[in-house]
C-alpha atoms as a PDB file:
ATOM      1  CA  MET A   1     112.944 116.529 138.322  1.00  0.00           C
ATOM      2  CA  SER A   2     109.539 114.810 137.528  1.00  0.00           C
ATOM      3  CA  SER A   3     109.118 112.529 134.679  1.00  0.00           C
ATOM      4  CA  SER A   4     106.282 114.729 133.322  1.00  0.00           C
ATOM      5  CA  LEU A   5     108.526 117.743 133.260  1.00  0.00           C
ATOM      6  CA  LEU A   6     111.184 115.804 131.437  1.00  0.00           C
ATOM      7  CA  VAL A   7     108.634 114.789 128.751  1.00  0.00           C
ATOM      8  CA  ARG A   8     107.448 118.354 128.367  1.00  0.00           C
ATOM      9  CA  LEU A   9     111.174 119.374 127.951  1.00  0.00           C
ATOM     10  CA  GLY A  10     111.630 116.707 125.340  1.00  0.00           C
ATOM     11  CA  LEU A  11     114.127 114.728 127.327  1.00  0.00           C
ATOM     12  CA  ARG A  12     111.911 111.649 127.817  1.00  0.00           C
ATOM     13  CA  GLN A  13     109.585 109.885 125.382  1.00  0.00           C
ATOM     14  CA  SER A  14     105.914 110.235 126.199  1.00  0.00           C
ATOM     15  CA  GLY A  15     104.959 106.756 125.213  1.00  0.00           C
ATOM     16  CA  PRO A  16     106.068 103.495 123.491  1.00  0.00           C
ATOM     17  CA  TRP A  17     105.163 104.873 120.056  1.00  0.00           C
ATOM     18  CA  GLU A  18     107.380 107.899 120.305  1.00  0.00           C
ATOM     19  CA  PRO A  19     111.156 107.643 119.663  1.00  0.00           C
ATOM     20  CA  PRO A  20     113.355 107.233 122.729  1.00  0.00           C
ATOM     21  CA  THR A  21     115.707 110.022 123.699  1.00  0.00           C
ATOM     22  CA  LEU A  22     119.347 109.632 124.538  1.00  0.00           C
ATOM     23  CA  LEU A  23     118.307 109.948 128.132  1.00  0.00           C
ATOM     24  CA  ASP A  24     115.620 107.262 127.734  1.00  0.00           C
ATOM     25  CA  ARG A  25     118.320 105.003 126.290  1.00  0.00           C
ATOM     26  CA  LEU A  26     120.854 105.633 128.994  1.00  0.00           C
ATOM     27  CA  LEU A  27     118.413 105.193 131.946  1.00  0.00           C
ATOM     28  CA  ALA A  28     116.963 101.982 130.488  1.00  0.00           C
ATOM     29  CA  SER A  29     120.368 100.399 129.854  1.00  0.00           C
ATOM     30  CA  PRO A  30     123.708 101.992 129.145  1.00  0.00           C
ATOM     31  CA  ILE A  31     124.865  98.785 127.507  1.00  0.00           C
ATOM     32  CA  ARG A  32     121.855  98.859 125.119  1.00  0.00           C
ATOM     33  CA  ALA A  33     122.476 102.564 124.513  1.00  0.00           C
ATOM     34  CA  ALA A  34     126.124 101.889 123.543  1.00  0.00           C
ATOM     35  CA  ALA A  35     125.135  99.035 121.301  1.00  0.00           C
ATOM     36  CA  HIS A  36     122.551 101.332 119.531  1.00  0.00           C
ATOM     37  CA  TYR A  37     125.230 103.896 118.560  1.00  0.00           C
ATOM     38  CA  LEU A  38     128.045 101.486 117.921  1.00  0.00           C
ATOM     39  CA  TYR A  39     125.782  99.558 115.534  1.00  0.00           C
ATOM     40  CA  ALA A  40     124.653 102.713 113.817  1.00  0.00           C
ATOM     41  CA  TRP A  41     128.325 103.579 113.129  1.00  0.00           C
ATOM     42  CA  ILE A  42     129.208  99.987 111.877  1.00  0.00           C
ATOM     43  CA  VAL A  43     126.303  99.851 109.533  1.00  0.00           C
ATOM     44  CA  GLY A  44     126.982 103.299 108.173  1.00  0.00           C
ATOM     45  CA  VAL A  45     130.508 102.479 107.236  1.00  0.00           C
ATOM     46  CA  ARG A  46     129.748  99.040 105.873  1.00  0.00           C
ATOM     47  CA  GLY A  47     126.638 100.307 104.081  1.00  0.00           C
ATOM     48  CA  TRP A  48     128.512 103.090 102.303  1.00  0.00           C
ATOM     49  CA  ALA A  49     131.164 100.642 101.050  1.00  0.00           C
ATOM     50  CA  THR A  50     128.598  97.993 100.057  1.00  0.00           C
ATOM     51  CA  ARG A  51     126.458 100.466  98.123  1.00  0.00           C
ATOM     52  CA  ARG A  52     129.464 101.750  96.261  1.00  0.00           C
ATOM     53  CA  HIS A  53     130.533  98.322  95.480  1.00  0.00           C
ATOM     54  CA  PHE A  54     127.221  97.200  94.019  1.00  0.00           C
ATOM     55  CA  LEU A  55     126.818 100.322  92.051  1.00  0.00           C
ATOM     56  CA  ASP A  56     130.185  99.826  90.369  1.00  0.00           C
ATOM     57  CA  ALA A  57     129.397  96.246  89.836  1.00  0.00           C
ATOM     58  CA  ALA A  58     126.021  97.029  88.335  1.00  0.00           C
ATOM     59  CA  GLU A  59     127.466  99.568  85.942  1.00  0.00           C
ATOM     60  CA  ALA A  60     130.238  97.108  84.763  1.00  0.00           C
ATOM     61  CA  ARG A  61     127.421  94.481  84.162  1.00  0.00           C
ATOM     62  CA  ALA A  62     125.069  96.991  82.505  1.00  0.00           C
ATOM     63  CA  THR A  63     122.302  95.235  84.353  1.00  0.00           C
ATOM     64  CA  PRO A  64     118.951  96.943  83.906  1.00  0.00           C
ATOM     65  CA  THR A  65     117.599  98.248  87.256  1.00  0.00           C
ATOM     66  CA  ILE A  66     114.089  97.968  88.607  1.00  0.00           C
ATOM     67  CA  ARG A  67     113.007 101.073  90.463  1.00  0.00           C
ATOM     68  CA  VAL A  68     110.792 100.083  93.514  1.00  0.00           C
ATOM     69  CA  VAL A  69     108.821 102.974  95.081  1.00  0.00           C
ATOM     70  CA  CYS A  70     107.773 102.287  98.743  1.00  0.00           C
ATOM     71  CA  ILE A  71     105.003 103.829 100.829  1.00  0.00           C
ATOM     72  CA  SER A  72     102.901 102.849 103.750  1.00  0.00           C
ATOM     73  CA  ASP A  73     100.430 104.293 106.442  1.00  0.00           C
ATOM     74  CA  THR A  74      98.833 106.911 104.356  1.00  0.00           C
ATOM     75  CA  HIS A  75      95.760 106.737 106.426  1.00  0.00           C
ATOM     76  CA  ASP A  76      93.156 108.206 103.908  1.00  0.00           C
ATOM     77  CA  GLN A  77      95.608 110.896 102.659  1.00  0.00           C
ATOM     78  CA  ILE A  78      97.266 111.468  99.341  1.00  0.00           C
ATOM     79  CA  VAL A  79     100.963 111.637  99.006  1.00  0.00           C
ATOM     80  CA  PRO A  80     101.968 114.319  96.672  1.00  0.00           C
ATOM     81  CA  ASP A  81     104.663 113.876  94.003  1.00  0.00           C
ATOM     82  CA  ILE A  82     105.187 110.158  94.145  1.00  0.00           C
ATOM     83  CA  PRO A  83     108.422 109.379  92.253  1.00  0.00           C
ATOM     84  CA  ASP A  84     108.195 107.443  88.964  1.00  0.00           C
ATOM     85  CA  GLY A  85     109.284 103.830  89.065  1.00  0.00           C
ATOM     86  CA  ASP A  86     108.576 100.358  87.840  1.00  0.00           C
ATOM     87  CA  LEU A  87     106.936  99.021  90.998  1.00  0.00           C
ATOM     88  CA  LEU A  88     104.961 100.795  93.633  1.00  0.00           C
ATOM     89  CA  ILE A  89     104.512  99.218  97.062  1.00  0.00           C
ATOM     90  CA  HIS A  90     101.951 100.079  99.641  1.00  0.00           C
ATOM     91  CA  ALA A  91     102.668  98.202 102.835  1.00  0.00           C
ATOM     92  CA  GLY A  92      99.287  98.869 104.591  1.00  0.00           C
ATOM     93  CA  ASP A  93      97.160 101.150 106.653  1.00  0.00           C
ATOM     94  CA  LEU A  94      95.603 102.725 103.530  1.00  0.00           C
ATOM     95  CA  THR A  95      92.900 104.164 105.649  1.00  0.00           C
ATOM     96  CA  ASP A  96      91.889 105.045 109.282  1.00  0.00           C
ATOM     97  CA  HIS A  97      88.707 102.974 109.562  1.00  0.00           C
ATOM     98  CA  GLY A  98      88.992 100.220 106.833  1.00  0.00           C
ATOM     99  CA  ARG A  99      85.561 100.935 105.261  1.00  0.00           C
ATOM    100  CA  PRO A 100      85.147  99.863 101.577  1.00  0.00           C
ATOM    101  CA  ALA A 101      84.499 103.376 100.387  1.00  0.00           C
ATOM    102  CA  ASP A 102      87.689 104.714 102.006  1.00  0.00           C
ATOM    103  CA  LEU A 103      89.679 101.786 100.719  1.00  0.00           C
ATOM    104  CA  GLN A 104      88.297 102.496  97.198  1.00  0.00           C
ATOM    105  CA  ALA A 105      89.418 106.099  97.379  1.00  0.00           C
ATOM    106  CA  GLN A 106      92.859 105.075  98.173  1.00  0.00           C
ATOM    107  CA  LEU A 107      93.004 102.237  95.514  1.00  0.00           C
ATOM    108  CA  ASP A 108      91.697 104.607  92.903  1.00  0.00           C
ATOM    109  CA  TRP A 109      94.483 107.099  93.726  1.00  0.00           C
ATOM    110  CA  LEU A 110      96.996 104.337  93.529  1.00  0.00           C
ATOM    111  CA  ALA A 111      95.499 103.187  90.223  1.00  0.00           C
ATOM    112  CA  SER A 112      95.985 106.723  88.862  1.00  0.00           C
ATOM    113  CA  LEU A 113      99.860 106.501  89.229  1.00  0.00           C
ATOM    114  CA  PRO A 114     101.853 105.564  86.280  1.00  0.00           C
ATOM    115  CA  HIS A 115     103.835 102.618  87.725  1.00  0.00           C
ATOM    116  CA  PRO A 116     103.332  99.489  85.671  1.00  0.00           C
ATOM    117  CA  HIS A 117     102.921  97.269  88.802  1.00  0.00           C
ATOM    118  CA  LYS A 118     101.412  98.095  92.174  1.00  0.00           C
ATOM    119  CA  VAL A 119     101.378  95.830  95.094  1.00  0.00           C
ATOM    120  CA  VAL A 120      99.233  96.311  98.198  1.00  0.00           C
ATOM    121  CA  VAL A 121      99.084  94.540 101.571  1.00  0.00           C
ATOM    122  CA  CYS A 122      96.662  95.639 104.139  1.00  0.00           C
ATOM    123  CA  GLY A 123      97.358  97.172 107.561  1.00  0.00           C
ATOM    124  CA  ASN A 124      95.720  96.795 110.956  1.00  0.00           C
ATOM    125  CA  HIS A 125      93.364  99.789 110.217  1.00  0.00           C
ATOM    126  CA  ASP A 126      92.113  98.327 106.863  1.00  0.00           C
ATOM    127  CA  SER A 127      89.391  96.225 108.548  1.00  0.00           C
ATOM    128  CA  TRP A 128      87.360  95.130 105.547  1.00  0.00           C
ATOM    129  CA  PHE A 129      90.152  92.849 104.325  1.00  0.00           C
ATOM    130  CA  ASP A 130      89.939  90.471 107.309  1.00  0.00           C
ATOM    131  CA  PRO A 131      86.424  88.914 107.557  1.00  0.00           C
ATOM    132  CA  ALA A 132      86.726  88.594 111.295  1.00  0.00           C
ATOM    133  CA  ALA A 133      87.761  92.242 111.774  1.00  0.00           C
ATOM    134  CA  ARG A 134      85.026  93.190 109.324  1.00  0.00           C
ATOM    135  CA  VAL A 135      82.325  91.825 111.590  1.00  0.00           C
ATOM    136  CA  ALA A 136      83.958  93.249 114.693  1.00  0.00           C
ATOM    137  CA  LYS A 137      83.905  96.649 112.947  1.00  0.00           C
ATOM    138  CA  GLY A 138      80.022  96.327 112.458  1.00  0.00           C
ATOM    139  CA  MET A 139      80.169  95.678 108.702  1.00  0.00           C
ATOM    140  CA  ALA A 140      78.159  92.951 107.135  1.00  0.00           C
ATOM    141  CA  ALA A 141      80.366  89.716 106.587  1.00  0.00           C
ATOM    142  CA  ASP A 142      79.353  89.702 102.933  1.00  0.00           C
ATOM    143  CA  ALA A 143      79.717  93.526 102.478  1.00  0.00           C
ATOM    144  CA  PRO A 144      81.048  94.142  98.878  1.00  0.00           C
ATOM    145  CA  GLY A 145      84.639  95.260  98.896  1.00  0.00           C
ATOM    146  CA  PRO A 146      86.727  97.640  96.836  1.00  0.00           C
ATOM    147  CA  ARG A 147      87.823  96.934  93.228  1.00  0.00           C
ATOM    148  CA  PHE A 148      91.513  96.637  92.231  1.00  0.00           C
ATOM    149  CA  ALA A 149      92.804  97.818  88.917  1.00  0.00           C
ATOM    150  CA  ASP A 150      94.364  95.318  86.592  1.00  0.00           C
ATOM    151  CA  ASP A 151      97.910  96.451  87.323  1.00  0.00           C
ATOM    152  CA  MET A 152      97.405  96.103  91.103  1.00  0.00           C
ATOM    153  CA  HIS A 153      98.214  93.041  93.149  1.00  0.00           C
ATOM    154  CA  TYR A 154      96.658  92.482  96.635  1.00  0.00           C
ATOM    155  CA  LEU A 155      98.732  89.959  98.526  1.00  0.00           C
ATOM    156  CA  GLN A 156      97.922  88.167 101.755  1.00  0.00           C
ATOM    157  CA  HIS A 157      99.995  84.917 102.273  1.00  0.00           C
ATOM    158  CA  GLU A 158     100.595  84.865  98.553  1.00  0.00           C
ATOM    159  CA  ALA A 159     103.685  85.303  96.243  1.00  0.00           C
ATOM    160  CA  ARG A 160     103.460  86.885  92.739  1.00  0.00           C
ATOM    161  CA  THR A 161     106.271  86.892  90.039  1.00  0.00           C
ATOM    162  CA  LEU A 162     106.112  90.405  88.290  1.00  0.00           C
ATOM    163  CA  GLN A 163     107.580  90.759  84.812  1.00  0.00           C
ATOM    164  CA  PHE A 164     109.097  93.997  83.758  1.00  0.00           C
ATOM    165  CA  ALA A 165     109.638  95.716  80.402  1.00  0.00           C
ATOM    166  CA  ASN A 166     113.425  95.454  80.665  1.00  0.00           C
ATOM    167  CA  GLY A 167     113.098  91.640  80.669  1.00  0.00           C
ATOM    168  CA  ARG A 168     113.717  91.134  84.410  1.00  0.00           C
ATOM    169  CA  SER A 169     111.385  89.680  86.973  1.00  0.00           C
ATOM    170  CA  LEU A 170     110.927  89.847  90.743  1.00  0.00           C
ATOM    171  CA  LYS A 171     109.119  87.442  93.023  1.00  0.00           C
ATOM    172  CA  VAL A 172     107.162  89.394  95.661  1.00  0.00           C
ATOM    173  CA  TYR A 173     105.503  87.980  98.773  1.00  0.00           C
ATOM    174  CA  GLY A 174     103.017  89.862 100.927  1.00  0.00           C
ATOM    175  CA  ALA A 175     101.387  89.298 104.366  1.00  0.00           C
ATOM    176  CA  ALA A 176      99.549  91.705 106.759  1.00  0.00           C
ATOM    177  CA  ASP A 177      99.730  89.712 110.006  1.00  0.00           C
ATOM    178  CA  ILE A 178     100.577  91.843 112.887  1.00  0.00           C
ATOM    179  CA  PRO A 179     101.146  91.410 116.674  1.00  0.00           C
ATOM    180  CA  ARG A 180      98.018  92.379 118.556  1.00  0.00           C
ATOM    181  CA  CYS A 181      97.989  96.021 119.109  1.00  0.00           C
ATOM    182  CA  GLY A 182      94.351  97.062 119.318  1.00  0.00           C
ATOM    183  CA  PRO A 183      90.607  95.992 119.272  1.00  0.00           C
ATOM    184  CA  ASP A 184      89.195  92.965 117.349  1.00  0.00           C
ATOM    185  CA  SER A 185      88.366  95.357 114.504  1.00  0.00           C
ATOM    186  CA  PHE A 186      92.008  95.470 113.698  1.00  0.00           C
ATOM    187  CA  SER A 187      92.935  93.192 110.822  1.00  0.00           C
ATOM    188  CA  TYR A 188      94.878  89.871 110.978  1.00  0.00           C
ATOM    189  CA  GLN A 189      96.188  90.218 114.613  1.00  0.00           C
ATOM    190  CA  TYR A 190      97.915  87.463 116.387  1.00  0.00           C
ATOM    191  CA  ASP A 191      99.259  86.921 119.925  1.00  0.00           C
ATOM    192  CA  ARG A 192     102.933  87.563 120.173  1.00  0.00           C
ATOM    193  CA  SER A 193     103.451  84.275 121.863  1.00  0.00           C
ATOM    194  CA  THR A 194     102.264  82.516 118.712  1.00  0.00           C
ATOM    195  CA  PRO A 195     103.574  84.363 115.641  1.00  0.00           C
ATOM    196  CA  PRO A 196     102.498  82.624 112.352  1.00  0.00           C
ATOM    197  CA  TRP A 197     105.739  83.378 110.437  1.00  0.00           C
ATOM    198  CA  GLN A 198     107.886  80.241 110.754  1.00  0.00           C
ATOM    199  CA  GLY A 199     108.416  78.581 107.318  1.00  0.00           C
ATOM    200  CA  LEU A 200     105.654  80.915 105.857  1.00  0.00           C
ATOM    201  CA  ILE A 201     107.789  82.968 103.324  1.00  0.00           C
ATOM    202  CA  PRO A 202     109.240  81.427 100.204  1.00  0.00           C
ATOM    203  CA  SER A 203     113.004  81.177 100.464  1.00  0.00           C
ATOM    204  CA  ASP A 204     113.507  82.629  96.872  1.00  0.00           C
ATOM    205  CA  VAL A 205     111.527  85.807  97.310  1.00  0.00           C
ATOM    206  CA  ASP A 206     113.122  89.053  96.058  1.00  0.00           C
ATOM    207  CA  ILE A 207     110.866  91.471  97.952  1.00  0.00           C
ATOM    208  CA  LEU A 208     109.025  90.776 101.152  1.00  0.00           C
ATOM    209  CA  ILE A 209     106.130  92.984 102.071  1.00  0.00           C
ATOM    210  CA  THR A 210     104.618  92.999 105.569  1.00  0.00           C
ATOM    211  CA  HIS A 211     102.796  95.560 107.636  1.00  0.00           C
ATOM    212  CA  PRO A 212     104.707  95.168 110.938  1.00  0.00           C
ATOM    213  CA  PRO A 213     108.529  95.615 111.151  1.00  0.00           C
ATOM    214  CA  PRO A 214     110.845  92.879 112.320  1.00  0.00           C
ATOM    215  CA  ARG A 215     112.049  93.234 115.930  1.00  0.00           C
ATOM    216  CA  HIS A 216     115.074  95.627 116.504  1.00  0.00           C
ATOM    217  CA  HIS A 217     114.905  97.387 112.982  1.00  0.00           C
ATOM    218  CA  LEU A 218     113.079 100.734 112.423  1.00  0.00           C
ATOM    219  CA  ASP A 219     110.473  99.661 115.002  1.00  0.00           C
ATOM    220  CA  LEU A 220     111.158 101.614 118.315  1.00  0.00           C
ATOM    221  CA  GLY A 221     111.394  98.112 119.901  1.00  0.00           C
ATOM    222  CA  LEU A 222     107.779  97.167 118.914  1.00  0.00           C
ATOM    223  CA  GLY A 223     108.478  94.885 115.974  1.00  0.00           C
ATOM    224  CA  CYS A 224     107.829  91.172 115.947  1.00  0.00           C
ATOM    225  CA  ALA A 225     110.628  88.676 117.035  1.00  0.00           C
ATOM    226  CA  GLY A 226     108.943  85.910 115.158  1.00  0.00           C
ATOM    227  CA  LEU A 227     109.006  87.896 111.840  1.00  0.00           C
ATOM    228  CA  LEU A 228     112.637  88.704 112.616  1.00  0.00           C
ATOM    229  CA  ALA A 229     113.494  85.037 112.793  1.00  0.00           C
ATOM    230  CA  GLU A 230     111.823  84.323 109.597  1.00  0.00           C
ATOM    231  CA  VAL A 231     113.673  87.224 107.913  1.00  0.00           C
ATOM    232  CA  TRP A 232     116.844  85.724 109.169  1.00  0.00           C
ATOM    233  CA  ARG A 233     115.913  82.503 107.411  1.00  0.00           C
ATOM    234  CA  VAL A 234     114.961  83.944 104.115  1.00  0.00           C
ATOM    235  CA  ARG A 235     117.086  87.003 103.983  1.00  0.00           C
ATOM    236  CA  PRO A 236     115.194  88.777 101.181  1.00  0.00           C
ATOM    237  CA  PRO A 237     117.065  91.338  99.199  1.00  0.00           C
ATOM    238  CA  LEU A 238     114.354  93.945 100.076  1.00  0.00           C
ATOM    239  CA  HIS A 239     111.855  93.957 102.929  1.00  0.00           C
ATOM    240  CA  VAL A 240     109.278  96.717 102.955  1.00  0.00           C
ATOM    241  CA  PHE A 241     106.968  97.433 105.936  1.00  0.00           C
ATOM    242  CA  GLY A 242     105.400 100.269 107.923  1.00  0.00           C
ATOM    243  CA  HIS A 243     103.080 100.555 110.969  1.00  0.00           C
ATOM    244  CA  VAL A 244     105.525 102.286 113.381  1.00  0.00           C
ATOM    245  CA  HIS A 245     105.480 105.827 112.079  1.00  0.00           C
ATOM    246  CA  TRP A 246     108.511 107.161 113.871  1.00  0.00           C
ATOM    247  CA  GLY A 247     110.548 104.186 112.564  1.00  0.00           C
ATOM    248  CA  ALA A 248     110.304 105.478 108.943  1.00  0.00           C
ATOM    249  CA  GLY A 249     113.517 105.231 106.944  1.00  0.00           C
ATOM    250  CA  ARG A 250     115.795 102.551 105.550  1.00  0.00           C
ATOM    251  CA  GLN A 251     118.538 100.297 107.019  1.00  0.00           C
ATOM    252  CA  LEU A 252     121.084  98.012 105.315  1.00  0.00           C
ATOM    253  CA  VAL A 253     121.649  94.975 107.476  1.00  0.00           C
ATOM    254  CA  PHE A 254     124.180  92.218 107.222  1.00  0.00           C
ATOM    255  CA  TRP A 255     123.325  88.737 108.378  1.00  0.00           C
ATOM    256  CA  ASP A 256     126.434  88.099 110.385  1.00  0.00           C
ATOM    257  CA  GLU A 257     127.518  87.702 114.121  1.00  0.00           C
ATOM    258  CA  THR A 258     127.711  91.442 114.541  1.00  0.00           C
ATOM    259  CA  GLN A 259     124.097  91.801 113.548  1.00  0.00           C
ATOM    260  CA  ARG A 260     123.265  88.924 115.940  1.00  0.00           C
ATOM    261  CA  ALA A 261     125.183  90.556 118.788  1.00  0.00           C
ATOM    262  CA  TYR A 262     123.338  93.797 118.250  1.00  0.00           C
ATOM    263  CA  GLU A 263     119.991  92.053 118.302  1.00  0.00           C
ATOM    264  CA  VAL A 264     120.799  90.217 121.509  1.00  0.00           C
ATOM    265  CA  LEU A 265     122.029  93.385 123.233  1.00  0.00           C
ATOM    266  CA  THR A 266     119.100  95.540 122.145  1.00  0.00           C
ATOM    267  CA  GLU A 267     116.392  93.058 123.298  1.00  0.00           C
ATOM    268  CA  ASP A 268     114.641  94.783 126.324  1.00  0.00           C
ATOM    269  CA  GLY A 269     111.769  92.426 126.777  1.00  0.00           C
ATOM    270  CA  ARG A 270     108.973  94.814 125.784  1.00  0.00           C
ATOM    271  CA  GLU A 271     106.623  92.208 124.433  1.00  0.00           C
ATOM    272  CA  PHE A 272     103.380  93.633 125.795  1.00  0.00           C
ATOM    273  CA  GLY A 273     103.266  91.585 129.011  1.00  0.00           C
ATOM    274  CA  GLN A 274     105.241  88.627 127.845  1.00  0.00           C
ATOM    275  CA  PRO A 275     108.147  87.688 130.164  1.00  0.00           C
ATOM    276  CA  PHE A 276     111.760  88.164 129.173  1.00  0.00           C
ATOM    277  CA  ARG A 277     114.607  86.113 130.511  1.00  0.00           C
ATOM    278  CA  GLU A 278     117.373  88.846 131.162  1.00  0.00           C
ATOM    279  CA  GLU A 279     120.748  87.959 130.114  1.00  0.00           C
ATOM    280  CA  SER A 280     123.570  88.051 132.733  1.00  0.00           C
ATOM    281  CA  LEU A 281     125.756  91.175 132.778  1.00  0.00           C
ATOM    282  CA  GLY A 282     128.694  88.985 131.605  1.00  0.00           C
ATOM    283  CA  SER A 283     126.815  87.573 128.768  1.00  0.00           C
ATOM    284  CA  ARG A 284     125.794  91.180 127.762  1.00  0.00           C
ATOM    285  CA  LEU A 285     129.182  92.540 128.053  1.00  0.00           C
ATOM    286  CA  GLY A 286     130.534  89.744 125.864  1.00  0.00           C
ATOM    287  CA  TYR A 287     128.131  90.660 123.084  1.00  0.00           C
ATOM    288  CA  LEU A 288     129.047  94.353 123.666  1.00  0.00           C
ATOM    289  CA  GLY A 289     132.608  93.389 123.222  1.00  0.00           C
ATOM    290  CA  ARG A 290     131.897  92.009 119.873  1.00  0.00           C
ATOM    291  CA  LEU A 291     130.264  95.265 118.685  1.00  0.00           C
ATOM    292  CA  VAL A 292     133.210  97.267 120.003  1.00  0.00           C
ATOM    293  CA  ALA A 293     135.590  94.982 118.025  1.00  0.00           C
ATOM    294  CA  ALA A 294     133.552  95.327 115.011  1.00  0.00           C
ATOM    295  CA  ALA A 295     133.456  99.119 115.315  1.00  0.00           C
ATOM    296  CA  THR A 296     137.181  99.171 115.906  1.00  0.00           C
ATOM    297  CA  MET A 297     137.822  97.091 112.850  1.00  0.00           C
ATOM    298  CA  ALA A 298     135.421  99.396 110.763  1.00  0.00           C
ATOM    299  CA  THR A 299     137.394 102.433 112.009  1.00  0.00           C
ATOM    300  CA  VAL A 300     140.859 100.893 111.487  1.00  0.00           C
ATOM    301  CA  LEU A 301     140.045  99.687 108.085  1.00  0.00           C
ATOM    302  CA  LEU A 302     138.176 102.845 106.882  1.00  0.00           C
ATOM    303  CA  PRO A 303     140.844 103.569 104.234  1.00  0.00           C
ATOM    304  CA  VAL A 304     140.433 100.030 102.872  1.00  0.00           C
ATOM    305  CA  TRP A 305     136.553 100.717 102.782  1.00  0.00           C
ATOM    306  CA  LEU A 306     137.211 103.953 100.755  1.00  0.00           C
ATOM    307  CA  PHE A 307     139.591 102.749  98.295  1.00  0.00           C
ATOM    308  CA  ALA A 308     138.991  99.010  97.936  1.00  0.00           C
ATOM    309  CA  PRO A 309     135.332  98.531  98.983  1.00  0.00           C
ATOM    310  CA  ASP A 310     134.955  95.296  97.048  1.00  0.00           C
ATOM    311  CA  ILE A 311     137.422  93.479  99.481  1.00  0.00           C
ATOM    312  CA  LEU A 312     135.126  94.038 102.383  1.00  0.00           C
ATOM    313  CA  ALA A 313     131.688  94.503 100.978  1.00  0.00           C
ATOM    314  CA  ALA A 314     129.248  91.644 101.486  1.00  0.00           C
ATOM    315  CA  GLU A 315     128.370  89.824  98.419  1.00  0.00           C
ATOM    316  CA  GLY A 316     125.838  87.431  97.154  1.00  0.00           C
ATOM    317  CA  ARG A 317     122.176  86.688  97.950  1.00  0.00           C
ATOM    318  CA  GLY A 318     121.561  86.394 101.507  1.00  0.00           C
ATOM    319  CA  ALA A 319     124.611  88.320 102.701  1.00  0.00           C
ATOM    320  CA  SER A 320     122.650  91.528 103.252  1.00  0.00           C
ATOM    321  CA  SER A 321     119.286  93.058 103.009  1.00  0.00           C
ATOM    322  CA  ILE A 322     117.653  96.533 102.742  1.00  0.00           C
ATOM    323  CA  LEU A 323     114.991  97.021 105.199  1.00  0.00           C
ATOM    324  CA  VAL A 324     112.553  99.872 104.467  1.00  0.00           C
ATOM    325  CA  ASN A 325     109.954 101.381 106.894  1.00  0.00           C
ATOM    326  CA  ALA A 326     107.879 103.168 104.341  1.00  0.00           C
ATOM    327  CA  GLY A 327     105.504 104.976 106.693  1.00  0.00           C
ATOM    328  CA  GLN A 328     104.409 108.339 105.415  1.00  0.00           C
ATOM    329  CA  MET A 329     102.539 109.508 108.569  1.00  0.00           C
ATOM    330  CA  TYR A 330     104.877 111.876 110.299  1.00  0.00           C
ATOM    331  CA  GLY A 331     105.027 110.391 113.802  1.00  0.00           C
ATOM    332  CA  ASN A 332     101.675 110.731 115.546  1.00  0.00           C
ATOM    333  CA  SER A 333     100.850 114.093 114.007  1.00  0.00           C
ATOM    334  CA  GLY A 334      97.971 112.986 111.811  1.00  0.00           C
ATOM    335  CA  ARG A 335      99.725 114.420 108.852  1.00  0.00           C
ATOM    336  CA  LEU A 336     101.991 113.097 106.072  1.00  0.00           C
ATOM    337  CA  GLY A 337     105.566 114.181 106.052  1.00  0.00           C
ATOM    338  CA  ASN A 338     108.075 111.408 105.679  1.00  0.00           C
ATOM    339  CA  SER A 339     110.026 110.755 102.640  1.00  0.00           C
ATOM    340  CA  VAL A 340     108.901 108.290  99.928  1.00  0.00           C
ATOM    341  CA  GLN A 341     111.560 105.567  99.865  1.00  0.00           C
ATOM    342  CA  VAL A 342     112.903 104.578  96.505  1.00  0.00           C
ATOM    343  CA  VAL A 343     115.074 101.460  95.980  1.00  0.00           C
ATOM    344  CA  ASP A 344     116.801 100.408  92.708  1.00  0.00           C
ATOM    345  CA  MET A 345     117.190  96.676  92.501  1.00  0.00           C
END
């Protein structure tokens, strides 16, 4: 059966920006396919227990929460019925073409929303924000830009500590840098071989906002390995991003050897022409064995997860993070359709 027919039947993906099917995963690598589904099971079980544990602990402490509302990739469109919250985050690609008037329309819409704080980073399509991309787009280098409301914070390689009415504060860091994925008119691109992330992000940040995803997480395999390494170092409680529309959703990750084994196993070398040193079959089977053992442990100890989640839940800053792909664009359809992501911190 031809590959084009398999694509038409929905059995194969039509391109790298489309989600892989089960057949795609199996044909690419049965080991990576097994790792993908094992990891989903492990994280699902651990995530449920951890969420339950922290909700119980927060209720016991009566700690006031901060509601963070996350969107990205609106591409000149207006998201209806944005949930209320304390902080609204837009993780880039406000527009399709990055012109000041288009950006202003999006910023005016965001300013009209009731959230006390709004934080914005630019996406690769938001050309005006990057002076080099602005010129490549044919705009004047000194073209007047959009105006930001007083409650709106635009971040590019900058941290900001936000104070909330309940007396709490959060430190937020934003950066738009993205692996090269298009023409020079795309903003803040870098070569994948020289990512800018090492040591860039403050280690005490509460919320990290980038436009691209980290490698292996809600990214269809298109995220940045350099960003992933920096997220491993910082381990922010919340990381919000977008860019890969079909990756929209959230994932609770645990910074441990199970996590490391998954990332090694699912590395497929798709670095837009960069060479990849294939692991030996024995090495990959060894990492798969770690995931099988972790999945077996999660299954055997499921009653403990259910009745005493505090025993096994990861605790403390740096033990786990919530990763959110806040893309609103439904795949490559040109229309909005993904859920707005809300996180209580």
